[in-house]
Amino acid sequence: MTNIVITGCSTGIGLETAMYLKDKFVKVYPTARDQKDVEMLKDLGFEDAMLLDVRKPDEIRAVINKVLEVDSKIDVWFNNAGFGQPGAMEDISTVVLKEQFETNVFGLHECTRQIIPVMREQGYGKIIQHSSVLGLISLFSRGAYNASKYAVEGLTDTLRLELKDTHIYPILLNTGPITSDFRKNAVQKLKENVDIEHSLFKEEYLRSMEGITKKVPFKEDATSVASIVHKIILADKPKPRYYITKATYLLGYLKRILSTRLLDKILIKIS
């Protein structure tokens, strides 16, 4: 039976993917950074749920060792953990930017570094990197998150070249708007880390917070991601990149055909 380790399974895409794969006869090792969420996962039937904060190398190592102890292999590793930090670049301190990168980039990188030797030893494996449509294009007041996902793109594109003579496949997921707590959590990060009251962009922030409950165009359910992950698991040779949601296809296409100036005009209208 194929097995998979998934980071960031407390809610949203991670949780839904774990639930989806469980019904597809895939052995899932879901992880979460808080113990209460690990207990929640166990209550849902995931006896092998484990604690994992991707910012802590020792916890990554412990998860890998535990899976190998039980299963002697790791077929797929899904680097899903991440969050969004909104705010205009001039309102985002370097400390806050570093916090964004600690999870979205450095945590992902540490997981990747630690799993590669395992996959080299067993002779195969798939590493799924959760990027975003915002790893392809940029939106107003999303600079920290944009930068983190652009970094994931660069790291993974390079890794693919470095692993070209192996049966280890790095795979990028470019997800668009998906039903989850992502936007709600992002608004909380905005309130925590940005001085909204004294910002030149105060009105934009307030409109953004008011619009959190509004319908987002092209939004899809988290099972859209889960089904692609299942498709990757079943593939002998998965594609290096998967677009998920119509928004990603549309904006990815516009990025290829439009000038930077014209694309900017479109992106500022949808931000």
Protein backbone atom coordinates (compact mmCIF):
# COMPACT_ATOMS: atom_id res chain seq x y z
CA MET A 1 0.00 0.00 0.00
CA THR A 2 1.22 3.49 -0.89
CA ASN A 3 1.83 5.75 2.08
CA ILE A 4 1.99 9.54 2.35
CA VAL A 5 3.04 12.04 5.01
CA ILE A 6 1.08 15.30 4.94
CA THR A 7 2.09 18.40 6.87
CA GLY A 8 -0.42 20.98 8.09
CA CYS A 9 -3.49 18.78 8.61
CA SER A 10 -5.27 20.74 11.33
CA THR A 11 -7.81 22.11 8.86
CA GLY A 12 -8.45 22.97 5.22
CA ILE A 13 -6.55 21.32 2.41
CA GLY A 14 -4.36 19.16 4.62
CA LEU A 15 -7.27 17.73 6.57
CA GLU A 16 -9.50 17.25 3.53
CA THR A 17 -6.70 15.56 1.60
CA ALA A 18 -6.06 13.17 4.49
CA MET A 19 -9.76 12.30 4.69
CA TYR A 20 -10.06 11.87 0.92
CA LEU A 21 -7.03 9.60 0.63
CA LYS A 22 -8.11 7.51 3.59
CA ASP A 23 -11.12 6.42 1.54
CA LYS A 24 -8.85 5.61 -1.45
CA PHE A 25 -6.91 2.89 0.35
CA VAL A 26 -3.82 5.06 0.84
CA LYS A 27 -2.06 4.87 4.19
CA VAL A 28 -2.00 8.44 5.48
CA TYR A 29 0.31 9.86 8.11
CA PRO A 30 -1.26 13.26 8.84
CA THR A 31 0.65 15.76 10.97
CA ALA A 32 -0.19 18.98 12.80
CA ARG A 33 1.85 21.40 14.89
CA ASP A 34 -0.50 21.50 17.91
CA GLN A 35 -1.21 18.47 20.07
CA LYS A 36 -4.94 19.25 20.22
CA ASP A 37 -5.09 18.90 16.45
CA VAL A 38 -3.16 15.64 16.56
CA GLU A 39 -5.80 14.34 19.01
CA MET A 40 -8.53 15.56 16.67
CA LEU A 41 -6.94 13.60 13.82
CA LYS A 42 -6.75 10.49 15.97
CA ASP A 43 -10.43 10.89 16.85
CA LEU A 44 -11.12 10.89 13.09
CA GLY A 45 -9.46 7.51 12.80
CA PHE A 46 -5.89 8.48 11.97
CA GLU A 47 -4.09 6.41 14.58
CA ASP A 48 -0.74 7.35 13.04
CA ALA A 49 -1.29 11.12 13.31
CA MET A 50 1.82 12.86 14.64
CA LEU A 51 3.01 16.16 16.01
CA LEU A 52 5.04 18.16 13.50
CA ASP A 53 5.96 21.82 13.47
CA VAL A 54 7.90 22.18 10.22
CA ARG A 55 9.99 24.93 11.83
CA LYS A 56 11.54 22.31 14.14
CA PRO A 57 14.05 19.96 12.45
CA ASP A 58 13.97 17.49 15.36
CA GLU A 59 10.22 17.00 14.94
CA ILE A 60 10.65 16.42 11.20
CA ARG A 61 13.30 13.82 11.94
CA ALA A 62 11.08 12.14 14.52
CA VAL A 63 8.18 11.84 12.07
CA ILE A 64 10.40 10.35 9.37
CA ASN A 65 11.93 7.86 11.79
CA LYS A 66 8.50 6.82 13.10
CA VAL A 67 7.09 6.20 9.62
CA LEU A 68 10.16 4.19 8.62
CA GLU A 69 9.90 2.20 11.84
CA VAL A 70 6.31 1.28 11.05
CA ASP A 71 6.39 1.03 7.26
CA SER A 72 10.07 0.90 6.20
CA LYS A 73 9.36 3.42 3.41
CA ILE A 74 7.89 6.82 2.59
CA ASP A 75 6.31 6.89 -0.87
CA VAL A 76 5.01 10.47 -0.91
CA TRP A 77 5.71 13.56 1.19
CA PHE A 78 3.25 16.44 0.85
CA ASN A 79 4.63 19.78 2.05
CA ASN A 80 1.27 21.41 2.67
CA ALA A 81 1.85 23.45 5.86
CA GLY A 82 1.73 27.20 5.35
CA PHE A 83 -0.14 30.44 6.02
CA GLY A 84 -0.71 33.83 4.44
CA GLN A 85 0.55 37.13 5.86
CA PRO A 86 -1.27 40.07 4.21
CA GLY A 87 -0.04 43.64 4.27
CA ALA A 88 1.61 46.18 1.99
CA MET A 89 5.37 45.76 1.82
CA GLU A 90 6.05 49.02 3.64
CA ASP A 91 3.78 47.84 6.48
CA ILE A 92 5.46 44.44 6.85
CA SER A 93 8.48 44.42 9.14
CA THR A 94 11.45 42.24 8.32
CA VAL A 95 10.68 40.21 11.46
CA VAL A 96 7.17 39.46 10.15
CA LEU A 97 8.56 38.61 6.71
CA LYS A 98 10.97 36.17 8.33
CA GLU A 99 8.06 34.53 10.18
CA GLN A 100 6.29 34.03 6.85
CA PHE A 101 9.39 32.39 5.40
CA GLU A 102 10.06 30.25 8.49
CA THR A 103 7.01 28.10 7.73
CA ASN A 104 6.31 28.53 4.03
CA VAL A 105 9.91 28.28 2.81
CA PHE A 106 12.44 27.22 5.43
CA GLY A 107 10.14 24.61 6.99
CA LEU A 108 9.29 23.22 3.57
CA HIS A 109 12.98 23.20 2.65
CA GLU A 110 14.00 21.38 5.84
CA CYS A 111 11.34 18.72 5.28
CA THR A 112 12.53 18.32 1.69
CA ARG A 113 16.19 18.07 2.70
CA GLN A 114 15.44 15.42 5.27
CA ILE A 115 13.22 13.26 3.07
CA ILE A 116 15.50 13.21 0.00
CA PRO A 117 18.13 10.86 1.56
CA VAL A 118 15.34 8.45 2.52
CA MET A 119 13.99 8.45 -1.02
CA ARG A 120 17.47 8.11 -2.50
CA GLU A 121 18.05 5.08 -0.31
CA GLN A 122 14.77 3.41 -1.32
CA GLY A 123 15.27 4.44 -4.95
CA TYR A 124 12.05 6.38 -5.52
CA GLY A 125 9.59 8.89 -4.10
CA LYS A 126 7.38 11.88 -4.75
CA ILE A 127 7.70 15.25 -3.01
CA ILE A 128 4.62 17.44 -3.44
CA GLN A 129 5.25 21.13 -2.82
CA HIS A 130 2.20 23.27 -2.13
CA SER A 131 2.74 26.48 -4.04
CA SER A 132 -0.09 28.76 -5.20
CA VAL A 133 -1.39 30.81 -8.06
CA LEU A 134 0.45 33.53 -6.12
CA GLY A 135 3.65 31.69 -6.94
CA LEU A 136 2.92 32.64 -10.56
CA ILE A 137 1.47 36.16 -10.26
CA SER A 138 1.44 38.82 -7.54
CA LEU A 139 -1.46 40.61 -5.91
CA PHE A 140 -1.61 43.88 -4.02
CA SER A 141 -0.93 43.57 -0.27
CA ARG A 142 0.18 39.94 -0.60
CA GLY A 143 3.91 40.60 -0.89
CA ALA A 144 5.11 38.40 1.98
CA TYR A 145 3.03 35.44 0.84
CA ASN A 146 3.84 36.06 -2.83
CA ALA A 147 7.55 36.08 -2.04
CA SER A 148 7.33 32.85 -0.05
CA LYS A 149 5.58 31.04 -2.87
CA TYR A 150 7.93 32.45 -5.51
CA ALA A 151 10.72 31.00 -3.36
CA VAL A 152 9.00 27.60 -3.29
CA GLU A 153 8.80 27.74 -7.08
CA GLY A 154 12.50 28.49 -7.42
CA LEU A 155 13.59 25.83 -4.95
CA THR A 156 11.42 23.16 -6.55
CA ASP A 157 12.35 24.01 -10.14
CA THR A 158 16.01 23.71 -9.16
CA LEU A 159 15.43 20.48 -7.23
CA ARG A 160 13.79 18.94 -10.27
CA LEU A 161 16.98 19.51 -12.27
CA GLU A 162 19.13 18.10 -9.49
CA LEU A 163 17.03 14.92 -9.27
CA LYS A 164 16.66 14.40 -13.03
CA ASP A 165 18.58 11.10 -13.05
CA THR A 166 16.56 9.60 -10.20
CA HIS A 167 13.05 8.27 -9.66
CA ILE A 168 12.35 11.03 -7.15
CA TYR A 169 9.79 13.50 -8.46
CA PRO A 170 9.39 17.05 -7.06
CA ILE A 171 5.91 18.29 -7.95
CA LEU A 172 4.39 21.77 -7.67
CA LEU A 173 0.72 22.42 -6.90
CA ASN A 174 -0.49 25.86 -8.00
CA THR A 175 -3.77 26.19 -6.16
CA GLY A 176 -6.16 29.07 -6.61
CA PRO A 177 -9.01 29.99 -4.24
CA ILE A 178 -10.00 26.95 -2.18
CA THR A 179 -12.63 26.60 0.54
CA SER A 180 -10.72 26.69 3.85
CA ASP A 181 -9.90 28.91 6.83
CA PHE A 182 -6.98 30.43 4.92
CA ARG A 183 -8.55 33.87 4.40
CA LYS A 184 -9.90 34.05 7.94
CA ASN A 185 -6.48 33.18 9.35
CA ALA A 186 -4.83 35.70 7.02
CA VAL A 187 -7.07 38.49 8.32
CA GLN A 188 -6.02 37.56 11.85
CA LYS A 189 -2.37 37.83 10.82
CA LEU A 190 -3.10 41.23 9.30
CA LYS A 191 -4.57 42.44 12.60
CA GLU A 192 -1.68 41.00 14.61
CA ASN A 193 1.24 42.23 12.54
CA VAL A 194 0.18 45.40 10.73
CA ASP A 195 -0.53 48.81 12.23
CA ILE A 196 -3.74 49.22 10.27
CA GLU A 197 -4.83 52.44 11.97
CA HIS A 198 -1.72 54.36 10.93
CA SER A 199 -1.22 52.80 7.51
CA LEU A 200 -1.62 54.64 4.21
CA PHE A 201 -3.52 51.55 3.10
CA LYS A 202 -6.01 51.57 5.97
CA GLU A 203 -9.06 51.82 3.72
CA GLU A 204 -7.87 48.94 1.54
CA TYR A 205 -7.31 46.77 4.61
CA LEU A 206 -10.74 47.54 6.01
CA ARG A 207 -12.40 46.69 2.69
CA SER A 208 -10.45 43.46 2.58
CA MET A 209 -11.60 42.47 6.06
CA GLU A 210 -15.20 43.37 5.24
CA GLY A 211 -15.04 41.24 2.10
CA ILE A 212 -13.93 38.04 3.79
CA THR A 213 -17.43 36.58 3.65
CA LYS A 214 -18.05 37.58 0.02
CA LYS A 215 -18.08 34.94 -2.69
CA VAL A 216 -14.72 34.48 -4.39
CA PRO A 217 -14.80 33.88 -8.17
CA PHE A 218 -13.65 30.42 -9.33
CA LYS A 219 -13.48 29.13 -5.75
CA GLU A 220 -13.41 25.35 -5.44
CA ASP A 221 -13.72 22.81 -2.65
CA ALA A 222 -10.59 21.38 -1.02
CA THR A 223 -11.34 18.03 -2.63
CA SER A 224 -10.09 19.59 -5.88
CA VAL A 225 -6.61 19.51 -4.34
CA ALA A 226 -7.11 16.11 -2.73
CA SER A 227 -8.09 14.51 -6.02
CA ILE A 228 -4.95 15.86 -7.71
CA VAL A 229 -2.79 14.50 -4.89
CA HIS A 230 -4.45 11.11 -5.42
CA LYS A 231 -3.77 11.39 -9.14
CA ILE A 232 -0.10 12.07 -8.38
CA ILE A 233 0.06 9.04 -6.09
CA LEU A 234 -1.31 6.80 -8.85
CA ALA A 235 0.96 8.18 -11.59
CA ASP A 236 4.12 6.29 -12.50
CA LYS A 237 5.64 9.53 -13.73
CA PRO A 238 3.70 12.54 -12.42
CA LYS A 239 3.77 15.92 -14.11
CA PRO A 240 6.17 18.49 -12.61
CA ARG A 241 3.32 20.98 -12.07
CA TYR A 242 -0.44 20.87 -11.59
CA TYR A 243 -2.76 23.88 -11.90
CA ILE A 244 -5.78 23.69 -9.59
CA THR A 245 -8.87 25.93 -10.06
CA LYS A 246 -9.90 27.92 -13.13
CA ALA A 247 -8.35 31.02 -11.57
CA THR A 248 -4.90 29.45 -11.76
CA TYR A 249 -5.35 28.44 -15.39
CA LEU A 250 -6.60 31.90 -16.33
CA LEU A 251 -3.96 33.90 -14.49
CA GLY A 252 -1.18 31.53 -15.50
CA TYR A 253 -2.22 32.01 -19.12
CA LEU A 254 -2.34 35.79 -18.80
CA LYS A 255 1.13 35.77 -17.21
CA ARG A 256 2.49 34.06 -20.34
CA ILE A 257 0.84 36.22 -22.99
CA LEU A 258 0.59 39.74 -21.53
CA SER A 259 3.21 42.39 -20.99
CA THR A 260 4.10 43.12 -17.38
CA ARG A 261 2.44 46.53 -17.57
CA LEU A 262 -0.83 45.18 -18.95
CA LEU A 263 -0.89 42.29 -16.51
CA ASP A 264 -0.37 44.73 -13.64
CA LYS A 265 -3.47 46.66 -14.70
CA ILE A 266 -5.55 43.49 -14.51
CA LEU A 267 -4.07 42.32 -11.21
CA ILE A 268 -4.67 45.63 -9.45
CA LYS A 269 -8.37 45.36 -10.34
CA ILE A 270 -8.77 41.91 -8.84
CA SER A 271 -6.68 42.49 -5.70
